[in-house]
Amino acid sequence: MPDDGRARAEPQLLLTSLLGDHWYWRDEHIPSAALVRLLAEFGIGRENARAAMRRLAAKGLLTTSRTGRTTAYGIPPRTSEVIVERTHRMLTFGAATPEWDGYWTVVAFSVPEQEREVRTALRARLRVLGLSALYDGLWVSPRDLAGPARELVAELGIGRATVLRATEVPGGPAGGGPASAFDLDALATDYREFVAAYAPVRAELAAGRIGPADALRIRTELRVAWRTFPERDPDLPAEMLPSEWPRAAARQVFLEVYDRLGPLAEHRFRQVLAEVDPDLAELASHHDSARVAQLHAALGGRRARGDTPFEQAVQARRLDEVQRGRPSV
């Protein structure tokens, strides 16, 4: 099983992941005391747990209600649809490599030194879009991102910039083509470390050595760990990937462990919630990859539009991670 010494996710992320896994499309609010007990499963203390709830509510990621002296929290309207879409993306990411039409999206720009903040913002947001720097002022992607890139350049008011689609792009400083802009070594290492950390869970499950409490903790932390890969992995076409690319092995481990831990994790979620409100505990559920696929199909044409607090918070977090130099490709 994953080493208990591994770095823990922050309380806010753990709480949104717990609710995203077990409280789909529920209007009912969960008493704060129950959420405190759920976060205690991860070693989060009472004060830190309550602070996480307040911060999530302040961001609009949780709704709040009061009955007497009891404060309770719920999922805002439309957020469940966004959670389904993001969870489906997380579960299906890496199932296949994208086909490539041979064209690169190229963004070339020059921003004066006195507009350093604009330049920093442009670089961060280009990276979040999925482009990478071939040179300081020349960014590339094998995906068709010309439209979003033009919108970004216009939004930031950058006059000296060109966005185009090209079949030939000059190589980087170390030689080679534009694919050299993507440093995949660190990402490959992270995929292999993910497999090393979570592959043993399969044997523990087969031997019956994982109980409900461990299942809830491992499944939630597994979800938190995997969700970074669709954000960091540039999802390059197969012809640009190195041999023995480890993503497929990591994805197989993720899906198998995530699905198999579901019933046990749900059982523990219900147990903890029942300590505070037995009736609410009966409403909890878990969703495996097959069920998420059904929910996603049921959305029909309803798709995330980027205007919910949840989506805006995700975008803000990604920009913050990039600007603070978190590992990203």
C-alpha atoms as a PDB file:
ATOM      1  CA  MET A   1       0.000   0.000   0.000  1.00  0.00           C
ATOM      2  CA  PRO A   2       1.144   3.622  -0.442  1.00  0.00           C
ATOM      3  CA  ASP A   3       3.629   4.667   2.211  1.00  0.00           C
ATOM      4  CA  ASP A   4       1.959   6.607   5.029  1.00  0.00           C
ATOM      5  CA  GLY A   5       4.935   8.948   4.883  1.00  0.00           C
ATOM      6  CA  ARG A   6       3.920  10.223   1.463  1.00  0.00           C
ATOM      7  CA  ALA A   7       2.946  13.883   1.285  1.00  0.00           C
ATOM      8  CA  ARG A   8      -0.727  14.385   2.019  1.00  0.00           C
ATOM      9  CA  ALA A   9      -3.037  16.458  -0.133  1.00  0.00           C
ATOM     10  CA  GLU A  10      -4.328  19.687   1.367  1.00  0.00           C
ATOM     11  CA  PRO A  11      -7.626  19.503   3.285  1.00  0.00           C
ATOM     12  CA  GLN A  12      -9.621  21.505   0.723  1.00  0.00           C
ATOM     13  CA  LEU A  13      -8.644  19.156  -2.095  1.00  0.00           C
ATOM     14  CA  LEU A  14      -9.341  16.078   0.014  1.00  0.00           C
ATOM     15  CA  LEU A  15     -12.777  17.369   0.972  1.00  0.00           C
ATOM     16  CA  THR A  16     -13.831  18.246  -2.585  1.00  0.00           C
ATOM     17  CA  SER A  17     -12.560  14.840  -3.744  1.00  0.00           C
ATOM     18  CA  LEU A  18     -14.526  13.039  -1.018  1.00  0.00           C
ATOM     19  CA  LEU A  19     -17.741  14.845  -1.896  1.00  0.00           C
ATOM     20  CA  GLY A  20     -17.071  14.449  -5.610  1.00  0.00           C
ATOM     21  CA  ASP A  21     -16.779  10.698  -5.110  1.00  0.00           C
ATOM     22  CA  HIS A  22     -19.705  10.093  -2.750  1.00  0.00           C
ATOM     23  CA  TRP A  23     -22.202  12.967  -2.919  1.00  0.00           C
ATOM     24  CA  TYR A  24     -23.149  13.300  -6.600  1.00  0.00           C
ATOM     25  CA  TRP A  25     -26.245  15.360  -7.382  1.00  0.00           C
ATOM     26  CA  ARG A  26     -27.366  15.581  -3.783  1.00  0.00           C
ATOM     27  CA  ASP A  27     -29.182  18.668  -2.524  1.00  0.00           C
ATOM     28  CA  GLU A  28     -28.859  17.659   1.124  1.00  0.00           C
ATOM     29  CA  HIS A  29     -26.242  19.362   3.261  1.00  0.00           C
ATOM     30  CA  ILE A  30     -23.814  17.403   5.445  1.00  0.00           C
ATOM     31  CA  PRO A  31     -23.248  18.658   9.012  1.00  0.00           C
ATOM     32  CA  SER A  32     -19.795  20.115   9.548  1.00  0.00           C
ATOM     33  CA  ALA A  33     -19.189  17.633  12.381  1.00  0.00           C
ATOM     34  CA  ALA A  34     -19.465  14.770   9.893  1.00  0.00           C
ATOM     35  CA  LEU A  35     -17.074  16.435   7.468  1.00  0.00           C
ATOM     36  CA  VAL A  36     -14.618  16.989  10.319  1.00  0.00           C
ATOM     37  CA  ARG A  37     -14.748  13.260  11.084  1.00  0.00           C
ATOM     38  CA  LEU A  38     -14.272  12.364   7.429  1.00  0.00           C
ATOM     39  CA  LEU A  39     -11.155  14.537   7.181  1.00  0.00           C
ATOM     40  CA  ALA A  40      -9.878  13.001  10.416  1.00  0.00           C
ATOM     41  CA  GLU A  41      -9.572   9.760   8.427  1.00  0.00           C
ATOM     42  CA  PHE A  42      -6.670  11.500   6.655  1.00  0.00           C
ATOM     43  CA  GLY A  43      -5.030  12.874   9.775  1.00  0.00           C
ATOM     44  CA  ILE A  44      -6.552  16.345   9.375  1.00  0.00           C
ATOM     45  CA  GLY A  45      -7.250  18.049  12.709  1.00  0.00           C
ATOM     46  CA  ARG A  46     -10.536  19.699  13.661  1.00  0.00           C
ATOM     47  CA  GLU A  47      -9.382  23.302  13.234  1.00  0.00           C
ATOM     48  CA  ASN A  48      -7.776  22.648   9.852  1.00  0.00           C
ATOM     49  CA  ALA A  49     -10.888  20.790   8.719  1.00  0.00           C
ATOM     50  CA  ARG A  50     -13.215  23.605   9.703  1.00  0.00           C
ATOM     51  CA  ALA A  51     -10.902  26.157   8.111  1.00  0.00           C
ATOM     52  CA  ALA A  52     -11.016  24.162   4.864  1.00  0.00           C
ATOM     53  CA  MET A  53     -14.840  24.224   4.891  1.00  0.00           C
ATOM     54  CA  ARG A  54     -14.936  27.971   5.469  1.00  0.00           C
ATOM     55  CA  ARG A  55     -12.480  28.633   2.665  1.00  0.00           C
ATOM     56  CA  LEU A  56     -14.346  26.410   0.228  1.00  0.00           C
ATOM     57  CA  ALA A  57     -17.595  28.173   1.121  1.00  0.00           C
ATOM     58  CA  ALA A  58     -15.956  31.576   0.662  1.00  0.00           C
ATOM     59  CA  LYS A  59     -14.873  30.519  -2.840  1.00  0.00           C
ATOM     60  CA  GLY A  60     -18.398  29.396  -3.697  1.00  0.00           C
ATOM     61  CA  LEU A  61     -17.354  25.744  -3.881  1.00  0.00           C
ATOM     62  CA  LEU A  62     -19.667  24.749  -1.026  1.00  0.00           C
ATOM     63  CA  THR A  63     -23.059  26.089  -0.016  1.00  0.00           C
ATOM     64  CA  THR A  64     -23.863  26.633   3.652  1.00  0.00           C
ATOM     65  CA  SER A  65     -26.965  26.216   5.801  1.00  0.00           C
ATOM     66  CA  ARG A  66     -27.664  26.448   9.532  1.00  0.00           C
ATOM     67  CA  THR A  67     -30.120  24.652  11.766  1.00  0.00           C
ATOM     68  CA  GLY A  68     -29.846  26.006  15.270  1.00  0.00           C
ATOM     69  CA  ARG A  69     -26.169  25.841  16.141  1.00  0.00           C
ATOM     70  CA  THR A  70     -25.388  23.259  13.470  1.00  0.00           C
ATOM     71  CA  THR A  71     -23.643  24.384  10.272  1.00  0.00           C
ATOM     72  CA  ALA A  72     -23.910  22.126   7.247  1.00  0.00           C
ATOM     73  CA  TYR A  73     -22.354  22.195   3.781  1.00  0.00           C
ATOM     74  CA  GLY A  74     -23.515  21.056   0.349  1.00  0.00           C
ATOM     75  CA  ILE A  75     -22.575  21.038  -3.326  1.00  0.00           C
ATOM     76  CA  PRO A  76     -23.719  24.153  -5.249  1.00  0.00           C
ATOM     77  CA  PRO A  77     -26.151  23.849  -8.181  1.00  0.00           C
ATOM     78  CA  ARG A  78     -24.530  22.801 -11.504  1.00  0.00           C
ATOM     79  CA  THR A  79     -21.317  21.763  -9.748  1.00  0.00           C
ATOM     80  CA  SER A  80     -22.283  18.089  -9.911  1.00  0.00           C
ATOM     81  CA  GLU A  81     -22.417  18.272 -13.702  1.00  0.00           C
ATOM     82  CA  VAL A  82     -18.944  19.809 -13.741  1.00  0.00           C
ATOM     83  CA  ILE A  83     -17.686  17.092 -11.371  1.00  0.00           C
ATOM     84  CA  VAL A  84     -19.074  14.394 -13.670  1.00  0.00           C
ATOM     85  CA  GLU A  85     -17.393  15.934 -16.693  1.00  0.00           C
ATOM     86  CA  ARG A  86     -14.037  16.354 -14.944  1.00  0.00           C
ATOM     87  CA  THR A  87     -14.200  12.866 -13.416  1.00  0.00           C
ATOM     88  CA  HIS A  88     -14.983  11.373 -16.836  1.00  0.00           C
ATOM     89  CA  ARG A  89     -12.021  13.234 -18.277  1.00  0.00           C
ATOM     90  CA  MET A  90      -9.814  11.946 -15.457  1.00  0.00           C
ATOM     91  CA  LEU A  91     -10.963   8.338 -15.931  1.00  0.00           C
ATOM     92  CA  THR A  92     -10.665   8.306 -19.726  1.00  0.00           C
ATOM     93  CA  PHE A  93      -7.437  10.292 -20.050  1.00  0.00           C
ATOM     94  CA  GLY A  94      -4.716   8.289 -21.752  1.00  0.00           C
ATOM     95  CA  ALA A  95      -7.066   5.659 -23.180  1.00  0.00           C
ATOM     96  CA  ALA A  96      -5.676   6.477 -26.628  1.00  0.00           C
ATOM     97  CA  THR A  97      -3.159   8.861 -28.099  1.00  0.00           C
ATOM     98  CA  PRO A  98      -4.604  11.619 -30.292  1.00  0.00           C
ATOM     99  CA  GLU A  99      -4.324  11.495 -34.064  1.00  0.00           C
ATOM    100  CA  TRP A 100      -2.121  14.217 -35.514  1.00  0.00           C
ATOM    101  CA  ASP A 101      -2.765  16.167 -38.704  1.00  0.00           C
ATOM    102  CA  GLY A 102       0.901  17.179 -39.047  1.00  0.00           C
ATOM    103  CA  TYR A 103       0.274  20.798 -38.041  1.00  0.00           C
ATOM    104  CA  TRP A 104       1.707  22.662 -35.072  1.00  0.00           C
ATOM    105  CA  THR A 105       0.104  25.560 -33.269  1.00  0.00           C
ATOM    106  CA  VAL A 106       2.803  28.208 -32.979  1.00  0.00           C
ATOM    107  CA  VAL A 107       2.655  31.315 -30.797  1.00  0.00           C
ATOM    108  CA  ALA A 108       5.460  33.837 -31.297  1.00  0.00           C
ATOM    109  CA  PHE A 109       5.555  36.977 -29.176  1.00  0.00           C
ATOM    110  CA  SER A 110       7.723  39.790 -27.899  1.00  0.00           C
ATOM    111  CA  VAL A 111       6.737  41.610 -24.712  1.00  0.00           C
ATOM    112  CA  PRO A 112       8.811  44.600 -23.467  1.00  0.00           C
ATOM    113  CA  GLU A 113      10.689  44.241 -20.177  1.00  0.00           C
ATOM    114  CA  GLN A 114       8.574  46.950 -18.577  1.00  0.00           C
ATOM    115  CA  GLU A 115       5.523  44.722 -19.106  1.00  0.00           C
ATOM    116  CA  ARG A 116       7.041  41.835 -17.202  1.00  0.00           C
ATOM    117  CA  GLU A 117       3.800  40.970 -15.394  1.00  0.00           C
ATOM    118  CA  VAL A 118       1.960  40.628 -18.714  1.00  0.00           C
ATOM    119  CA  ARG A 119       4.715  38.383 -20.053  1.00  0.00           C
ATOM    120  CA  THR A 120       4.588  36.198 -16.936  1.00  0.00           C
ATOM    121  CA  ALA A 121       0.804  35.901 -17.214  1.00  0.00           C
ATOM    122  CA  LEU A 122       1.039  34.993 -20.905  1.00  0.00           C
ATOM    123  CA  ARG A 123       3.593  32.254 -20.301  1.00  0.00           C
ATOM    124  CA  ALA A 124       1.612  30.732 -17.440  1.00  0.00           C
ATOM    125  CA  ARG A 125      -1.640  30.716 -19.362  1.00  0.00           C
ATOM    126  CA  LEU A 126      -0.016  29.325 -22.518  1.00  0.00           C
ATOM    127  CA  ARG A 127       1.303  26.451 -20.431  1.00  0.00           C
ATOM    128  CA  VAL A 128      -2.128  25.822 -18.929  1.00  0.00           C
ATOM    129  CA  LEU A 129      -3.562  25.777 -22.466  1.00  0.00           C
ATOM    130  CA  GLY A 130      -1.124  23.007 -23.349  1.00  0.00           C
ATOM    131  CA  LEU A 131       1.674  24.814 -25.188  1.00  0.00           C
ATOM    132  CA  SER A 132       5.343  24.575 -24.289  1.00  0.00           C
ATOM    133  CA  ALA A 133       8.315  26.865 -24.907  1.00  0.00           C
ATOM    134  CA  LEU A 134      10.619  25.954 -27.773  1.00  0.00           C
ATOM    135  CA  TYR A 135      12.364  29.309 -27.295  1.00  0.00           C
ATOM    136  CA  ASP A 136      11.602  32.040 -24.780  1.00  0.00           C
ATOM    137  CA  GLY A 137       9.191  33.781 -27.169  1.00  0.00           C
ATOM    138  CA  LEU A 138       8.150  30.821 -29.337  1.00  0.00           C
ATOM    139  CA  TRP A 139       5.637  28.323 -27.944  1.00  0.00           C
ATOM    140  CA  VAL A 140       4.282  25.240 -29.691  1.00  0.00           C
ATOM    141  CA  SER A 141       1.716  22.450 -29.468  1.00  0.00           C
ATOM    142  CA  PRO A 142       0.779  19.644 -31.875  1.00  0.00           C
ATOM    143  CA  ARG A 143      -2.893  20.272 -31.029  1.00  0.00           C
ATOM    144  CA  ASP A 144      -5.066  22.877 -32.694  1.00  0.00           C
ATOM    145  CA  LEU A 145      -5.024  25.580 -30.037  1.00  0.00           C
ATOM    146  CA  ALA A 146      -4.867  28.544 -32.405  1.00  0.00           C
ATOM    147  CA  GLY A 147      -8.316  29.833 -31.440  1.00  0.00           C
ATOM    148  CA  PRO A 148      -7.793  29.845 -27.657  1.00  0.00           C
ATOM    149  CA  ALA A 149      -4.267  31.233 -28.116  1.00  0.00           C
ATOM    150  CA  ARG A 150      -5.525  34.151 -30.217  1.00  0.00           C
ATOM    151  CA  GLU A 151      -8.194  34.888 -27.623  1.00  0.00           C
ATOM    152  CA  LEU A 152      -5.557  34.885 -24.908  1.00  0.00           C
ATOM    153  CA  VAL A 153      -3.246  37.227 -26.796  1.00  0.00           C
ATOM    154  CA  ALA A 154      -6.127  39.615 -27.445  1.00  0.00           C
ATOM    155  CA  GLU A 155      -7.320  39.442 -23.827  1.00  0.00           C
ATOM    156  CA  LEU A 156      -3.869  40.403 -22.527  1.00  0.00           C
ATOM    157  CA  GLY A 157      -3.557  43.191 -25.104  1.00  0.00           C
ATOM    158  CA  ILE A 158      -0.291  41.918 -26.583  1.00  0.00           C
ATOM    159  CA  GLY A 159       0.380  43.758 -29.845  1.00  0.00           C
ATOM    160  CA  ARG A 160       3.563  42.004 -30.970  1.00  0.00           C
ATOM    161  CA  ALA A 161       2.366  38.428 -31.260  1.00  0.00           C
ATOM    162  CA  THR A 162       1.596  35.965 -34.027  1.00  0.00           C
ATOM    163  CA  VAL A 163      -0.489  32.809 -33.771  1.00  0.00           C
ATOM    164  CA  LEU A 164      -0.355  30.383 -36.684  1.00  0.00           C
ATOM    165  CA  ARG A 165      -0.591  26.758 -37.741  1.00  0.00           C
ATOM    166  CA  ALA A 166       2.508  25.349 -39.426  1.00  0.00           C
ATOM    167  CA  THR A 167       3.871  22.025 -40.646  1.00  0.00           C
ATOM    168  CA  GLU A 168       7.503  23.075 -40.176  1.00  0.00           C
ATOM    169  CA  VAL A 169       8.939  24.754 -37.081  1.00  0.00           C
ATOM    170  CA  PRO A 170      12.660  25.451 -36.487  1.00  0.00           C
ATOM    171  CA  GLY A 171      14.320  23.231 -33.894  1.00  0.00           C
ATOM    172  CA  GLY A 172      15.134  24.212 -30.333  1.00  0.00           C
ATOM    173  CA  PRO A 173      18.505  25.363 -28.967  1.00  0.00           C
ATOM    174  CA  ALA A 174      19.676  21.765 -28.491  1.00  0.00           C
ATOM    175  CA  GLY A 175      18.594  20.778 -31.979  1.00  0.00           C
ATOM    176  CA  GLY A 176      15.745  18.550 -33.012  1.00  0.00           C
ATOM    177  CA  GLY A 177      12.226  19.513 -33.960  1.00  0.00           C
ATOM    178  CA  PRO A 178       9.486  21.248 -31.975  1.00  0.00           C
ATOM    179  CA  ALA A 179       8.762  18.049 -30.043  1.00  0.00           C
ATOM    180  CA  SER A 180      11.949  18.844 -28.088  1.00  0.00           C
ATOM    181  CA  ALA A 181       9.985  21.630 -26.363  1.00  0.00           C
ATOM    182  CA  PHE A 182       8.295  18.956 -24.252  1.00  0.00           C
ATOM    183  CA  ASP A 183      10.528  17.529 -21.544  1.00  0.00           C
ATOM    184  CA  LEU A 184       8.850  14.218 -20.752  1.00  0.00           C
ATOM    185  CA  ASP A 185      11.512  12.756 -18.458  1.00  0.00           C
ATOM    186  CA  ALA A 186      10.078  14.113 -15.191  1.00  0.00           C
ATOM    187  CA  LEU A 187       6.569  13.106 -16.219  1.00  0.00           C
ATOM    188  CA  ALA A 188       7.709   9.563 -17.052  1.00  0.00           C
ATOM    189  CA  THR A 189       9.361   9.335 -13.626  1.00  0.00           C
ATOM    190  CA  ASP A 190       6.136  10.425 -11.930  1.00  0.00           C
ATOM    191  CA  TYR A 191       4.120   7.827 -13.846  1.00  0.00           C
ATOM    192  CA  ARG A 192       6.527   5.091 -12.754  1.00  0.00           C
ATOM    193  CA  GLU A 193       6.447   6.275  -9.139  1.00  0.00           C
ATOM    194  CA  PHE A 194       2.650   6.218  -9.268  1.00  0.00           C
ATOM    195  CA  VAL A 195       2.744   2.581 -10.405  1.00  0.00           C
ATOM    196  CA  ALA A 196       5.269   1.688  -7.715  1.00  0.00           C
ATOM    197  CA  ALA A 197       3.111   3.306  -5.039  1.00  0.00           C
ATOM    198  CA  TYR A 198      -0.292   1.895  -6.007  1.00  0.00           C
ATOM    199  CA  ALA A 199       0.313  -1.386  -7.853  1.00  0.00           C
ATOM    200  CA  PRO A 200       0.821  -3.237  -4.536  1.00  0.00           C
ATOM    201  CA  VAL A 201      -2.746  -2.290  -3.554  1.00  0.00           C
ATOM    202  CA  ARG A 202      -4.020  -4.871  -6.042  1.00  0.00           C
ATOM    203  CA  ALA A 203      -2.285  -7.677  -4.170  1.00  0.00           C
ATOM    204  CA  GLU A 204      -3.527  -6.337  -0.832  1.00  0.00           C
ATOM    205  CA  LEU A 205      -7.077  -6.301  -2.167  1.00  0.00           C
ATOM    206  CA  ALA A 206      -6.792  -9.851  -3.498  1.00  0.00           C
ATOM    207  CA  ALA A 207      -5.559 -11.000  -0.093  1.00  0.00           C
ATOM    208  CA  GLY A 208      -8.405  -9.216   1.694  1.00  0.00           C
ATOM    209  CA  ARG A 209      -6.034  -7.046   3.696  1.00  0.00           C
ATOM    210  CA  ILE A 210      -7.679  -3.691   2.953  1.00  0.00           C
ATOM    211  CA  GLY A 211     -10.540  -2.630   5.182  1.00  0.00           C
ATOM    212  CA  PRO A 212     -13.077   0.160   4.651  1.00  0.00           C
ATOM    213  CA  ALA A 213     -11.044   2.866   6.429  1.00  0.00           C
ATOM    214  CA  ASP A 214      -7.914   2.166   4.360  1.00  0.00           C
ATOM    215  CA  ALA A 215     -10.040   1.931   1.203  1.00  0.00           C
ATOM    216  CA  LEU A 216     -11.533   5.389   1.717  1.00  0.00           C
ATOM    217  CA  ARG A 217      -8.138   6.923   2.378  1.00  0.00           C
ATOM    218  CA  ILE A 218      -6.316   5.168  -0.464  1.00  0.00           C
ATOM    219  CA  ARG A 219      -9.046   5.725  -3.061  1.00  0.00           C
ATOM    220  CA  THR A 220      -9.322   9.431  -2.274  1.00  0.00           C
ATOM    221  CA  GLU A 221      -5.564   9.955  -2.301  1.00  0.00           C
ATOM    222  CA  LEU A 222      -5.316   7.891  -5.499  1.00  0.00           C
ATOM    223  CA  ARG A 223      -7.840  10.197  -7.149  1.00  0.00           C
ATOM    224  CA  VAL A 224      -5.984  13.290  -5.934  1.00  0.00           C
ATOM    225  CA  ALA A 225      -2.660  11.907  -7.194  1.00  0.00           C
ATOM    226  CA  TRP A 226      -3.972  10.900 -10.633  1.00  0.00           C
ATOM    227  CA  ARG A 227      -5.892  14.120 -11.334  1.00  0.00           C
ATOM    228  CA  THR A 228      -2.603  15.988 -11.882  1.00  0.00           C
ATOM    229  CA  PHE A 229      -1.635  13.861 -14.886  1.00  0.00           C
ATOM    230  CA  PRO A 230      -4.354  15.072 -17.297  1.00  0.00           C
ATOM    231  CA  GLU A 231      -3.309  18.604 -16.355  1.00  0.00           C
ATOM    232  CA  ARG A 232       0.434  18.060 -16.785  1.00  0.00           C
ATOM    233  CA  ASP A 233       0.649  15.521 -19.597  1.00  0.00           C
ATOM    234  CA  PRO A 234       0.660  17.309 -22.996  1.00  0.00           C
ATOM    235  CA  ASP A 235      -0.999  14.215 -24.526  1.00  0.00           C
ATOM    236  CA  LEU A 236       1.351  14.120 -27.497  1.00  0.00           C
ATOM    237  CA  PRO A 237       0.659  12.019 -30.595  1.00  0.00           C
ATOM    238  CA  ALA A 238       2.079   8.493 -30.479  1.00  0.00           C
ATOM    239  CA  GLU A 239       4.853   9.281 -32.961  1.00  0.00           C
ATOM    240  CA  MET A 240       6.296  11.875 -30.549  1.00  0.00           C
ATOM    241  CA  LEU A 241       6.354   9.673 -27.455  1.00  0.00           C
ATOM    242  CA  PRO A 242       9.469   7.815 -26.287  1.00  0.00           C
ATOM    243  CA  SER A 243       9.519   4.039 -26.383  1.00  0.00           C
ATOM    244  CA  GLU A 244       8.064   2.264 -23.334  1.00  0.00           C
ATOM    245  CA  TRP A 245       6.056   5.350 -22.383  1.00  0.00           C
ATOM    246  CA  PRO A 246       4.694   4.421 -18.899  1.00  0.00           C
ATOM    247  CA  ARG A 247       1.313   6.151 -19.036  1.00  0.00           C
ATOM    248  CA  ALA A 248      -0.660   3.057 -20.095  1.00  0.00           C
ATOM    249  CA  ALA A 249       0.666   1.025 -17.163  1.00  0.00           C
ATOM    250  CA  ALA A 250      -0.099   3.836 -14.721  1.00  0.00           C
ATOM    251  CA  ARG A 251      -3.611   4.262 -16.104  1.00  0.00           C
ATOM    252  CA  GLN A 252      -4.325   0.543 -15.781  1.00  0.00           C
ATOM    253  CA  VAL A 253      -3.280   0.616 -12.121  1.00  0.00           C
ATOM    254  CA  PHE A 254      -5.365   3.723 -11.485  1.00  0.00           C
ATOM    255  CA  LEU A 255      -8.571   2.351 -13.001  1.00  0.00           C
ATOM    256  CA  GLU A 256      -8.294  -1.079 -11.403  1.00  0.00           C
ATOM    257  CA  VAL A 257      -7.579   0.232  -7.908  1.00  0.00           C
ATOM    258  CA  TYR A 258     -10.118   3.062  -8.170  1.00  0.00           C
ATOM    259  CA  ASP A 259     -12.944   0.753  -9.228  1.00  0.00           C
ATOM    260  CA  ARG A 260     -12.154  -2.115  -6.854  1.00  0.00           C
ATOM    261  CA  LEU A 261     -11.851   0.126  -3.800  1.00  0.00           C
ATOM    262  CA  GLY A 262     -15.203   1.812  -4.492  1.00  0.00           C
ATOM    263  CA  PRO A 263     -17.588  -0.394  -2.451  1.00  0.00           C
ATOM    264  CA  LEU A 264     -15.282  -0.499   0.584  1.00  0.00           C
ATOM    265  CA  ALA A 265     -14.701   3.251   0.451  1.00  0.00           C
ATOM    266  CA  GLU A 266     -18.446   3.891   0.253  1.00  0.00           C
ATOM    267  CA  HIS A 267     -18.988   1.660   3.270  1.00  0.00           C
ATOM    268  CA  ARG A 268     -16.542   3.709   5.332  1.00  0.00           C
ATOM    269  CA  PHE A 269     -18.005   7.009   4.121  1.00  0.00           C
ATOM    270  CA  ARG A 270     -21.436   5.797   5.286  1.00  0.00           C
ATOM    271  CA  GLN A 271     -20.038   4.604   8.611  1.00  0.00           C
ATOM    272  CA  VAL A 272     -18.500   7.977   9.412  1.00  0.00           C
ATOM    273  CA  LEU A 273     -21.537   9.938   8.253  1.00  0.00           C
ATOM    274  CA  ALA A 274     -23.855   7.677  10.275  1.00  0.00           C
ATOM    275  CA  GLU A 275     -22.062   8.701  13.474  1.00  0.00           C
ATOM    276  CA  VAL A 276     -23.616  12.137  13.011  1.00  0.00           C
ATOM    277  CA  ASP A 277     -26.680  11.550  10.830  1.00  0.00           C
ATOM    278  CA  PRO A 278     -27.760   7.960  10.024  1.00  0.00           C
ATOM    279  CA  ASP A 279     -30.445   9.113   7.570  1.00  0.00           C
ATOM    280  CA  LEU A 280     -27.942  11.071   5.481  1.00  0.00           C
ATOM    281  CA  ALA A 281     -25.580   8.100   5.504  1.00  0.00           C
ATOM    282  CA  GLU A 282     -28.120   6.085   3.516  1.00  0.00           C
ATOM    283  CA  LEU A 283     -27.847   8.595   0.650  1.00  0.00           C
ATOM    284  CA  ALA A 284     -24.102   8.232   0.109  1.00  0.00           C
ATOM    285  CA  SER A 285     -22.828   6.257  -2.885  1.00  0.00           C
ATOM    286  CA  HIS A 286     -19.715   5.649  -4.921  1.00  0.00           C
ATOM    287  CA  HIS A 287     -19.208   5.768  -8.671  1.00  0.00           C
ATOM    288  CA  ASP A 288     -16.876   3.541 -10.639  1.00  0.00           C
ATOM    289  CA  SER A 289     -15.651   4.177 -14.180  1.00  0.00           C
ATOM    290  CA  ALA A 290     -18.672   2.486 -15.784  1.00  0.00           C
ATOM    291  CA  ARG A 291     -21.157   4.537 -13.765  1.00  0.00           C
ATOM    292  CA  VAL A 292     -19.312   7.781 -14.473  1.00  0.00           C
ATOM    293  CA  ALA A 293     -19.458   6.966 -18.199  1.00  0.00           C
ATOM    294  CA  GLN A 294     -23.237   6.548 -17.905  1.00  0.00           C
ATOM    295  CA  LEU A 295     -23.617   9.823 -16.028  1.00  0.00           C
ATOM    296  CA  HIS A 296     -21.470  11.620 -18.572  1.00  0.00           C
ATOM    297  CA  ALA A 297     -23.555  10.270 -21.450  1.00  0.00           C
ATOM    298  CA  ALA A 298     -26.713  11.379 -19.640  1.00  0.00           C
ATOM    299  CA  LEU A 299     -25.467  14.970 -19.636  1.00  0.00           C
ATOM    300  CA  GLY A 300     -26.184  15.117 -23.354  1.00  0.00           C
ATOM    301  CA  GLY A 301     -25.298  18.572 -24.628  1.00  0.00           C
ATOM    302  CA  ARG A 302     -24.870  20.063 -21.154  1.00  0.00           C
ATOM    303  CA  ARG A 303     -21.179  20.785 -20.807  1.00  0.00           C
ATOM    304  CA  ALA A 304     -19.007  22.870 -18.546  1.00  0.00           C
ATOM    305  CA  ARG A 305     -18.886  26.490 -19.674  1.00  0.00           C
ATOM    306  CA  GLY A 306     -16.168  27.722 -17.367  1.00  0.00           C
ATOM    307  CA  ASP A 307     -18.514  29.978 -15.423  1.00  0.00           C
ATOM    308  CA  THR A 308     -19.033  28.013 -12.207  1.00  0.00           C
ATOM    309  CA  PRO A 309     -16.973  28.750  -9.072  1.00  0.00           C
ATOM    310  CA  PHE A 310     -15.599  25.206  -9.254  1.00  0.00           C
ATOM    311  CA  GLU A 311     -14.220  25.647 -12.771  1.00  0.00           C
ATOM    312  CA  GLN A 312     -12.848  29.086 -11.957  1.00  0.00           C
ATOM    313  CA  ALA A 313     -11.145  27.730  -8.842  1.00  0.00           C
ATOM    314  CA  VAL A 314      -9.558  24.905 -10.846  1.00  0.00           C
ATOM    315  CA  GLN A 315      -8.236  27.401 -13.397  1.00  0.00           C
ATOM    316  CA  ALA A 316      -6.869  29.632 -10.642  1.00  0.00           C
ATOM    317  CA  ARG A 317      -5.155  26.667  -8.979  1.00  0.00           C
ATOM    318  CA  ARG A 318      -3.525  25.574 -12.234  1.00  0.00           C
ATOM    319  CA  LEU A 319      -2.202  29.076 -12.876  1.00  0.00           C
ATOM    320  CA  ASP A 320      -0.887  29.272  -9.327  1.00  0.00           C
ATOM    321  CA  GLU A 321       0.901  25.924  -9.654  1.00  0.00           C
ATOM    322  CA  VAL A 322       2.521  26.954 -12.934  1.00  0.00           C
ATOM    323  CA  GLN A 323       3.564  30.367 -11.639  1.00  0.00           C
ATOM    324  CA  ARG A 324       5.070  28.839  -8.504  1.00  0.00           C
ATOM    325  CA  GLY A 325       7.118  26.478 -10.609  1.00  0.00           C
ATOM    326  CA  ARG A 326       5.347  23.241  -9.768  1.00  0.00           C
ATOM    327  CA  PRO A 327       6.416  20.348 -12.035  1.00  0.00           C
ATOM    328  CA  SER A 328       4.726  20.777 -15.383  1.00  0.00           C
ATOM    329  CA  VAL A 329       5.518  19.958 -18.988  1.00  0.00           C
END
